[in-house]
Amino acid sequence: MSEELERAFVTLVAQLDYGARIGLGLRENPATKERKVDAEHARMFIDQLEALQERTRGNLAENEARVLQDSLYELRMSYVHIVGGKNP
């Protein structure tokens, strides 16, 4: 896979990760300039990352798979810590 495609994939993961972090209140919402927990918003982005992981399994470069796996791990742990493991 070309470096350009790998960068694009990692950027996509980073964008979804950022959206989840906004929903978890870990990042400021650029539209409202506030940090507020919105479990449904966070879960939507985590679900998208999980779908991406499932649909690309076995087709990613080692770095891409690691970035995706690390992002999901950190977000899941944060979600459980912040939301208490309850699904919206």
PDB file of N, CA and C in Angstrom:
ATOM      1  N   MET A   1       0.854  -1.171   0.000  1.00  0.00           N
ATOM      2  CA  MET A   1       0.000   0.000   0.000  1.00  0.00           C
ATOM      3  C   MET A   1       0.899   1.233   0.000  1.00  0.00           C
ATOM      4  N   SER A   2       0.496   2.239  -0.707  1.00  0.00           N
ATOM      5  CA  SER A   2       1.315   3.437  -0.795  1.00  0.00           C
ATOM      6  C   SER A   2       1.299   4.209   0.522  1.00  0.00           C
ATOM      7  N   GLU A   3       2.342   4.989   0.723  1.00  0.00           N
ATOM      8  CA  GLU A   3       2.427   5.808   1.930  1.00  0.00           C
ATOM      9  C   GLU A   3       1.282   6.811   1.981  1.00  0.00           C
ATOM     10  N   GLU A   4       0.862   7.293   0.839  1.00  0.00           N
ATOM     11  CA  GLU A   4      -0.227   8.258   0.775  1.00  0.00           C
ATOM     12  C   GLU A   4      -1.533   7.637   1.286  1.00  0.00           C
ATOM     13  N   LEU A   5      -1.806   6.417   0.879  1.00  0.00           N
ATOM     14  CA  LEU A   5      -3.013   5.740   1.354  1.00  0.00           C
ATOM     15  C   LEU A   5      -2.924   5.421   2.837  1.00  0.00           C
ATOM     16  N   GLU A   6      -1.737   5.052   3.285  1.00  0.00           N
ATOM     17  CA  GLU A   6      -1.566   4.769   4.707  1.00  0.00           C
ATOM     18  C   GLU A   6      -1.805   6.029   5.530  1.00  0.00           C
ATOM     19  N   ARG A   7      -1.273   7.164   5.085  1.00  0.00           N
ATOM     20  CA  ARG A   7      -1.506   8.435   5.782  1.00  0.00           C
ATOM     21  C   ARG A   7      -2.996   8.781   5.792  1.00  0.00           C
ATOM     22  N   ALA A   8      -3.669   8.543   4.671  1.00  0.00           N
ATOM     23  CA  ALA A   8      -5.105   8.838   4.588  1.00  0.00           C
ATOM     24  C   ALA A   8      -5.883   7.967   5.577  1.00  0.00           C
ATOM     25  N   PHE A   9      -5.515   6.704   5.692  1.00  0.00           N
ATOM     26  CA  PHE A   9      -6.196   5.801   6.618  1.00  0.00           C
ATOM     27  C   PHE A   9      -5.974   6.245   8.063  1.00  0.00           C
ATOM     28  N   VAL A  10      -4.729   6.556   8.397  1.00  0.00           N
ATOM     29  CA  VAL A  10      -4.411   6.987   9.759  1.00  0.00           C
ATOM     30  C   VAL A  10      -5.135   8.298  10.075  1.00  0.00           C
ATOM     31  N   THR A  11      -5.249   9.184   9.101  1.00  0.00           N
ATOM     32  CA  THR A  11      -5.981  10.436   9.289  1.00  0.00           C
ATOM     33  C   THR A  11      -7.458  10.161   9.536  1.00  0.00           C
ATOM     34  N   LEU A  12      -8.034   9.222   8.808  1.00  0.00           N
ATOM     35  CA  LEU A  12      -9.435   8.851   9.018  1.00  0.00           C
ATOM     36  C   LEU A  12      -9.643   8.332  10.440  1.00  0.00           C
ATOM     37  N   VAL A  13      -8.768   7.460  10.887  1.00  0.00           N
ATOM     38  CA  VAL A  13      -8.861   6.938  12.255  1.00  0.00           C
ATOM     39  C   VAL A  13      -8.752   8.082  13.257  1.00  0.00           C
ATOM     40  N   ALA A  14      -7.819   9.000  13.017  1.00  0.00           N
ATOM     41  CA  ALA A  14      -7.631  10.137  13.927  1.00  0.00           C
ATOM     42  C   ALA A  14      -8.880  11.017  13.978  1.00  0.00           C
ATOM     43  N   GLN A  15      -9.537  11.217  12.857  1.00  0.00           N
ATOM     44  CA  GLN A  15     -10.750  12.031  12.825  1.00  0.00           C
ATOM     45  C   GLN A  15     -11.881  11.376  13.620  1.00  0.00           C
ATOM     46  N   LEU A  16     -12.049  10.081  13.442  1.00  0.00           N
ATOM     47  CA  LEU A  16     -13.083   9.365  14.187  1.00  0.00           C
ATOM     48  C   LEU A  16     -12.744   9.335  15.683  1.00  0.00           C
ATOM     49  N   ASP A  17     -11.474   9.139  15.990  1.00  0.00           N
ATOM     50  CA  ASP A  17     -11.007   9.153  17.375  1.00  0.00           C
ATOM     51  C   ASP A  17     -11.308  10.511  18.012  1.00  0.00           C
ATOM     52  N   TYR A  18     -11.029  11.580  17.303  1.00  0.00           N
ATOM     53  CA  TYR A  18     -11.266  12.927  17.814  1.00  0.00           C
ATOM     54  C   TYR A  18     -12.754  13.154  18.088  1.00  0.00           C
ATOM     55  N   GLY A  19     -13.603  12.699  17.180  1.00  0.00           N
ATOM     56  CA  GLY A  19     -15.042  12.820  17.388  1.00  0.00           C
ATOM     57  C   GLY A  19     -15.489  12.100  18.651  1.00  0.00           C
ATOM     58  N   ALA A  20     -14.951  10.909  18.871  1.00  0.00           N
ATOM     59  CA  ALA A  20     -15.293  10.157  20.085  1.00  0.00           C
ATOM     60  C   ALA A  20     -14.807  10.881  21.325  1.00  0.00           C
ATOM     61  N   ARG A  21     -13.628  11.462  21.260  1.00  0.00           N
ATOM     62  CA  ARG A  21     -13.078  12.183  22.416  1.00  0.00           C
ATOM     63  C   ARG A  21     -13.903  13.429  22.739  1.00  0.00           C
ATOM     64  N   ILE A  22     -14.446  14.067  21.724  1.00  0.00           N
ATOM     65  CA  ILE A  22     -15.351  15.193  21.968  1.00  0.00           C
ATOM     66  C   ILE A  22     -16.578  14.682  22.718  1.00  0.00           C
ATOM     67  N   GLY A  23     -17.135  13.553  22.269  1.00  0.00           N
ATOM     68  CA  GLY A  23     -18.307  12.979  22.921  1.00  0.00           C
ATOM     69  C   GLY A  23     -18.037  12.532  24.346  1.00  0.00           C
ATOM     70  N   LEU A  24     -16.806  12.152  24.623  1.00  0.00           N
ATOM     71  CA  LEU A  24     -16.445  11.740  25.980  1.00  0.00           C
ATOM     72  C   LEU A  24     -16.073  12.925  26.866  1.00  0.00           C
ATOM     73  N   GLY A  25     -16.084  14.111  26.292  1.00  0.00           N
ATOM     74  CA  GLY A  25     -15.725  15.301  27.058  1.00  0.00           C
ATOM     75  C   GLY A  25     -14.230  15.446  27.266  1.00  0.00           C
ATOM     76  N   LEU A  26     -13.432  14.694  26.517  1.00  0.00           N
ATOM     77  CA  LEU A  26     -11.978  14.759  26.647  1.00  0.00           C
ATOM     78  C   LEU A  26     -11.377  15.862  25.784  1.00  0.00           C
ATOM     79  N   ARG A  27     -12.127  16.330  24.816  1.00  0.00           N
ATOM     80  CA  ARG A  27     -11.710  17.418  23.930  1.00  0.00           C
ATOM     81  C   ARG A  27     -12.831  18.435  23.845  1.00  0.00           C
ATOM     82  N   GLU A  28     -12.435  19.650  23.589  1.00  0.00           N
ATOM     83  CA  GLU A  28     -13.411  20.729  23.428  1.00  0.00           C
ATOM     84  C   GLU A  28     -14.141  20.580  22.101  1.00  0.00           C
ATOM     85  N   ASN A  29     -15.443  20.749  22.142  1.00  0.00           N
ATOM     86  CA  ASN A  29     -16.232  20.754  20.915  1.00  0.00           C
ATOM     87  C   ASN A  29     -15.918  22.054  20.183  1.00  0.00           C
ATOM     88  N   PRO A  30     -15.379  21.988  18.969  1.00  0.00           N
ATOM     89  CA  PRO A  30     -14.997  23.219  18.269  1.00  0.00           C
ATOM     90  C   PRO A  30     -16.185  24.125  17.943  1.00  0.00           C
ATOM     91  N   ALA A  31     -17.378  23.574  17.858  1.00  0.00           N
ATOM     92  CA  ALA A  31     -18.564  24.373  17.542  1.00  0.00           C
ATOM     93  C   ALA A  31     -19.071  25.141  18.761  1.00  0.00           C
ATOM     94  N   THR A  32     -19.020  24.500  19.938  1.00  0.00           N
ATOM     95  CA  THR A  32     -19.581  25.126  21.140  1.00  0.00           C
ATOM     96  C   THR A  32     -18.512  25.649  22.091  1.00  0.00           C
ATOM     97  N   LYS A  33     -17.263  25.235  21.875  1.00  0.00           N
ATOM     98  CA  LYS A  33     -16.141  25.595  22.759  1.00  0.00           C
ATOM     99  C   LYS A  33     -16.335  25.048  24.173  1.00  0.00           C
ATOM    100  N   GLU A  34     -17.094  23.970  24.290  1.00  0.00           N
ATOM    101  CA  GLU A  34     -17.366  23.353  25.590  1.00  0.00           C
ATOM    102  C   GLU A  34     -16.877  21.907  25.608  1.00  0.00           C
ATOM    103  N   ARG A  35     -16.655  21.416  26.806  1.00  0.00           N
ATOM    104  CA  ARG A  35     -16.389  19.999  27.030  1.00  0.00           C
ATOM    105  C   ARG A  35     -17.599  19.438  27.748  1.00  0.00           C
ATOM    106  N   LYS A  36     -18.253  18.507  27.111  1.00  0.00           N
ATOM    107  CA  LYS A  36     -19.477  17.948  27.678  1.00  0.00           C
ATOM    108  C   LYS A  36     -19.556  16.477  27.277  1.00  0.00           C
ATOM    109  N   VAL A  37     -19.914  15.621  28.207  1.00  0.00           N
ATOM    110  CA  VAL A  37     -20.052  14.198  27.912  1.00  0.00           C
ATOM    111  C   VAL A  37     -21.372  13.973  27.178  1.00  0.00           C
ATOM    112  N   ASP A  38     -21.265  13.355  26.039  1.00  0.00           N
ATOM    113  CA  ASP A  38     -22.422  12.941  25.241  1.00  0.00           C
ATOM    114  C   ASP A  38     -22.150  11.494  24.841  1.00  0.00           C
ATOM    115  N   ALA A  39     -22.599  10.571  25.685  1.00  0.00           N
ATOM    116  CA  ALA A  39     -22.288   9.154  25.504  1.00  0.00           C
ATOM    117  C   ALA A  39     -22.755   8.638  24.149  1.00  0.00           C
ATOM    118  N   GLU A  40     -23.889   9.080  23.681  1.00  0.00           N
ATOM    119  CA  GLU A  40     -24.408   8.627  22.390  1.00  0.00           C
ATOM    120  C   GLU A  40     -23.494   9.066  21.253  1.00  0.00           C
ATOM    121  N   HIS A  41     -23.022  10.295  21.328  1.00  0.00           N
ATOM    122  CA  HIS A  41     -22.099  10.832  20.322  1.00  0.00           C
ATOM    123  C   HIS A  41     -20.799  10.017  20.324  1.00  0.00           C
ATOM    124  N   ALA A  42     -20.249   9.789  21.507  1.00  0.00           N
ATOM    125  CA  ALA A  42     -19.007   9.027  21.634  1.00  0.00           C
ATOM    126  C   ALA A  42     -19.193   7.605  21.104  1.00  0.00           C
ATOM    127  N   ARG A  43     -20.290   6.960  21.478  1.00  0.00           N
ATOM    128  CA  ARG A  43     -20.555   5.582  21.067  1.00  0.00           C
ATOM    129  C   ARG A  43     -20.662   5.468  19.551  1.00  0.00           C
ATOM    130  N   MET A  44     -21.264   6.474  18.909  1.00  0.00           N
ATOM    131  CA  MET A  44     -21.399   6.460  17.456  1.00  0.00           C
ATOM    132  C   MET A  44     -20.018   6.393  16.784  1.00  0.00           C
ATOM    133  N   PHE A  45     -19.081   7.204  17.261  1.00  0.00           N
ATOM    134  CA  PHE A  45     -17.746   7.208  16.671  1.00  0.00           C
ATOM    135  C   PHE A  45     -16.983   5.925  17.004  1.00  0.00           C
ATOM    136  N   ILE A  46     -17.139   5.430  18.213  1.00  0.00           N
ATOM    137  CA  ILE A  46     -16.486   4.167  18.580  1.00  0.00           C
ATOM    138  C   ILE A  46     -17.039   3.032  17.729  1.00  0.00           C
ATOM    139  N   ASP A  47     -18.346   3.018  17.525  1.00  0.00           N
ATOM    140  CA  ASP A  47     -18.963   2.000  16.665  1.00  0.00           C
ATOM    141  C   ASP A  47     -18.431   2.077  15.238  1.00  0.00           C
ATOM    142  N   GLN A  48     -18.212   3.283  14.733  1.00  0.00           N
ATOM    143  CA  GLN A  48     -17.674   3.445  13.383  1.00  0.00           C
ATOM    144  C   GLN A  48     -16.249   2.897  13.298  1.00  0.00           C
ATOM    145  N   LEU A  49     -15.457   3.161  14.324  1.00  0.00           N
ATOM    146  CA  LEU A  49     -14.097   2.609  14.346  1.00  0.00           C
ATOM    147  C   LEU A  49     -14.122   1.088  14.436  1.00  0.00           C
ATOM    148  N   GLU A  50     -15.049   0.541  15.221  1.00  0.00           N
ATOM    149  CA  GLU A  50     -15.179  -0.911  15.316  1.00  0.00           C
ATOM    150  C   GLU A  50     -15.585  -1.512  13.966  1.00  0.00           C
ATOM    151  N   ALA A  51     -16.489  -0.855  13.266  1.00  0.00           N
ATOM    152  CA  ALA A  51     -16.907  -1.328  11.942  1.00  0.00           C
ATOM    153  C   ALA A  51     -15.736  -1.269  10.971  1.00  0.00           C
ATOM    154  N   LEU A  52     -14.975  -0.204  11.041  1.00  0.00           N
ATOM    155  CA  LEU A  52     -13.797  -0.062  10.176  1.00  0.00           C
ATOM    156  C   LEU A  52     -12.800  -1.181  10.454  1.00  0.00           C
ATOM    157  N   GLN A  53     -12.589  -1.474  11.736  1.00  0.00           N
ATOM    158  CA  GLN A  53     -11.672  -2.554  12.098  1.00  0.00           C
ATOM    159  C   GLN A  53     -12.160  -3.898  11.560  1.00  0.00           C
ATOM    160  N   GLU A  54     -13.430  -4.167  11.730  1.00  0.00           N
ATOM    161  CA  GLU A  54     -13.995  -5.436  11.278  1.00  0.00           C
ATOM    162  C   GLU A  54     -13.920  -5.577   9.756  1.00  0.00           C
ATOM    163  N   ARG A  55     -14.251  -4.515   9.053  1.00  0.00           N
ATOM    164  CA  ARG A  55     -14.318  -4.572   7.580  1.00  0.00           C
ATOM    165  C   ARG A  55     -12.943  -4.566   6.919  1.00  0.00           C
ATOM    166  N   THR A  56     -11.907  -4.130   7.655  1.00  0.00           N
ATOM    167  CA  THR A  56     -10.565  -4.074   7.065  1.00  0.00           C
ATOM    168  C   THR A  56      -9.635  -5.147   7.623  1.00  0.00           C
ATOM    169  N   ARG A  57     -10.156  -5.996   8.501  1.00  0.00           N
ATOM    170  CA  ARG A  57      -9.322  -7.031   9.139  1.00  0.00           C
ATOM    171  C   ARG A  57      -8.573  -7.841   8.083  1.00  0.00           C
ATOM    172  N   GLY A  58      -7.265  -7.935   8.277  1.00  0.00           N
ATOM    173  CA  GLY A  58      -6.419  -8.700   7.368  1.00  0.00           C
ATOM    174  C   GLY A  58      -5.986  -7.921   6.135  1.00  0.00           C
ATOM    175  N   ASN A  59      -6.430  -6.696   5.993  1.00  0.00           N
ATOM    176  CA  ASN A  59      -6.089  -5.910   4.808  1.00  0.00           C
ATOM    177  C   ASN A  59      -5.312  -4.639   5.129  1.00  0.00           C
ATOM    178  N   LEU A  60      -4.850  -4.518   6.355  1.00  0.00           N
ATOM    179  CA  LEU A  60      -4.148  -3.310   6.768  1.00  0.00           C
ATOM    180  C   LEU A  60      -2.659  -3.558   6.932  1.00  0.00           C
ATOM    181  N   ALA A  61      -1.889  -2.512   6.704  1.00  0.00           N
ATOM    182  CA  ALA A  61      -0.468  -2.557   7.033  1.00  0.00           C
ATOM    183  C   ALA A  61      -0.348  -2.636   8.552  1.00  0.00           C
ATOM    184  N   GLU A  62       0.784  -3.115   9.026  1.00  0.00           N
ATOM    185  CA  GLU A  62       0.983  -3.288  10.466  1.00  0.00           C
ATOM    186  C   GLU A  62       0.738  -1.984  11.225  1.00  0.00           C
ATOM    187  N   ASN A  63       1.258  -0.881  10.726  1.00  0.00           N
ATOM    188  CA  ASN A  63       1.089   0.411  11.387  1.00  0.00           C
ATOM    189  C   ASN A  63      -0.382   0.818  11.427  1.00  0.00           C
ATOM    190  N   GLU A  64      -1.097   0.623  10.341  1.00  0.00           N
ATOM    191  CA  GLU A  64      -2.515   0.978  10.285  1.00  0.00           C
ATOM    192  C   GLU A  64      -3.315   0.177  11.308  1.00  0.00           C
ATOM    193  N   ALA A  65      -3.072  -1.113  11.349  1.00  0.00           N
ATOM    194  CA  ALA A  65      -3.791  -1.978  12.296  1.00  0.00           C
ATOM    195  C   ALA A  65      -3.494  -1.572  13.729  1.00  0.00           C
ATOM    196  N   ARG A  66      -2.240  -1.227  14.007  1.00  0.00           N
ATOM    197  CA  ARG A  66      -1.847  -0.838  15.359  1.00  0.00           C
ATOM    198  C   ARG A  66      -2.505   0.488  15.759  1.00  0.00           C
ATOM    199  N   VAL A  67      -2.519   1.455  14.850  1.00  0.00           N
ATOM    200  CA  VAL A  67      -3.140   2.752  15.140  1.00  0.00           C
ATOM    201  C   VAL A  67      -4.620   2.559  15.455  1.00  0.00           C
ATOM    202  N   LEU A  68      -5.294   1.754  14.656  1.00  0.00           N
ATOM    203  CA  LEU A  68      -6.717   1.500  14.856  1.00  0.00           C
ATOM    204  C   LEU A  68      -6.966   0.757  16.167  1.00  0.00           C
ATOM    205  N   GLN A  69      -6.176  -0.276  16.419  1.00  0.00           N
ATOM    206  CA  GLN A  69      -6.331  -1.054  17.648  1.00  0.00           C
ATOM    207  C   GLN A  69      -6.063  -0.190  18.883  1.00  0.00           C
ATOM    208  N   ASP A  70      -5.015   0.614  18.844  1.00  0.00           N
ATOM    209  CA  ASP A  70      -4.681   1.471  19.984  1.00  0.00           C
ATOM    210  C   ASP A  70      -5.777   2.505  20.236  1.00  0.00           C
ATOM    211  N   SER A  71      -6.283   3.087  19.170  1.00  0.00           N
ATOM    212  CA  SER A  71      -7.350   4.071  19.295  1.00  0.00           C
ATOM    213  C   SER A  71      -8.573   3.443  19.956  1.00  0.00           C
ATOM    214  N   LEU A  72      -8.983   2.291  19.461  1.00  0.00           N
ATOM    215  CA  LEU A  72     -10.155   1.623  20.020  1.00  0.00           C
ATOM    216  C   LEU A  72      -9.951   1.245  21.482  1.00  0.00           C
ATOM    217  N   TYR A  73      -8.782   0.750  21.811  1.00  0.00           N
ATOM    218  CA  TYR A  73      -8.510   0.364  23.197  1.00  0.00           C
ATOM    219  C   TYR A  73      -8.646   1.578  24.123  1.00  0.00           C
ATOM    220  N   GLU A  74      -7.987   2.672  23.761  1.00  0.00           N
ATOM    221  CA  GLU A  74      -8.021   3.870  24.595  1.00  0.00           C
ATOM    222  C   GLU A  74      -9.442   4.426  24.711  1.00  0.00           C
ATOM    223  N   LEU A  75     -10.166   4.452  23.608  1.00  0.00           N
ATOM    224  CA  LEU A  75     -11.528   4.981  23.644  1.00  0.00           C
ATOM    225  C   LEU A  75     -12.454   4.092  24.463  1.00  0.00           C
ATOM    226  N   ARG A  76     -12.325   2.789  24.314  1.00  0.00           N
ATOM    227  CA  ARG A  76     -13.175   1.877  25.096  1.00  0.00           C
ATOM    228  C   ARG A  76     -12.913   2.031  26.585  1.00  0.00           C
ATOM    229  N   MET A  77     -11.638   2.124  26.968  1.00  0.00           N
ATOM    230  CA  MET A  77     -11.302   2.289  28.386  1.00  0.00           C
ATOM    231  C   MET A  77     -11.830   3.624  28.902  1.00  0.00           C
ATOM    232  N   SER A  78     -11.685   4.680  28.118  1.00  0.00           N
ATOM    233  CA  SER A  78     -12.207   5.989  28.521  1.00  0.00           C
ATOM    234  C   SER A  78     -13.722   5.959  28.633  1.00  0.00           C
ATOM    235  N   TYR A  79     -14.369   5.296  27.696  1.00  0.00           N
ATOM    236  CA  TYR A  79     -15.832   5.209  27.704  1.00  0.00           C
ATOM    237  C   TYR A  79     -16.305   4.529  28.988  1.00  0.00           C
ATOM    238  N   VAL A  80     -15.692   3.417  29.320  1.00  0.00           N
ATOM    239  CA  VAL A  80     -16.084   2.691  30.536  1.00  0.00           C
ATOM    240  C   VAL A  80     -15.830   3.545  31.770  1.00  0.00           C
ATOM    241  N   HIS A  81     -14.715   4.227  31.794  1.00  0.00           N
ATOM    242  CA  HIS A  81     -14.368   5.065  32.943  1.00  0.00           C
ATOM    243  C   HIS A  81     -15.332   6.254  33.076  1.00  0.00           C
ATOM    244  N   ILE A  82     -15.636   6.901  31.971  1.00  0.00           N
ATOM    245  CA  ILE A  82     -16.440   8.128  32.006  1.00  0.00           C
ATOM    246  C   ILE A  82     -17.933   7.836  32.060  1.00  0.00           C
ATOM    247  N   VAL A  83     -18.380   6.899  31.256  1.00  0.00           N
ATOM    248  CA  VAL A  83     -19.820   6.623  31.143  1.00  0.00           C
ATOM    249  C   VAL A  83     -20.238   5.514  32.094  1.00  0.00           C
ATOM    250  N   GLY A  84     -19.293   4.757  32.573  1.00  0.00           N
ATOM    251  CA  GLY A  84     -19.605   3.673  33.503  1.00  0.00           C
ATOM    252  C   GLY A  84     -19.989   2.384  32.815  1.00  0.00           C
ATOM    253  N   GLY A  85     -19.628   2.262  31.545  1.00  0.00           N
ATOM    254  CA  GLY A  85     -19.908   1.031  30.815  1.00  0.00           C
ATOM    255  C   GLY A  85     -21.321   0.895  30.338  1.00  0.00           C
ATOM    256  N   LYS A  86     -22.136   1.903  30.539  1.00  0.00           N
ATOM    257  CA  LYS A  86     -23.530   1.841  30.096  1.00  0.00           C
ATOM    258  C   LYS A  86     -23.633   2.302  28.659  1.00  0.00           C
ATOM    259  N   ASN A  87     -24.308   1.533  27.841  1.00  0.00           N
ATOM    260  CA  ASN A  87     -24.563   1.957  26.471  1.00  0.00           C
ATOM    261  C   ASN A  87     -25.677   2.984  26.480  1.00  0.00           C
ATOM    262  N   PRO A  88     -25.602   3.960  25.558  1.00  0.00           N
ATOM    263  CA  PRO A  88     -26.653   4.984  25.524  1.00  0.00           C
ATOM    264  C   PRO A  88     -28.005   4.404  25.201  1.00  0.00           C
TER     265      PRO A  88
END
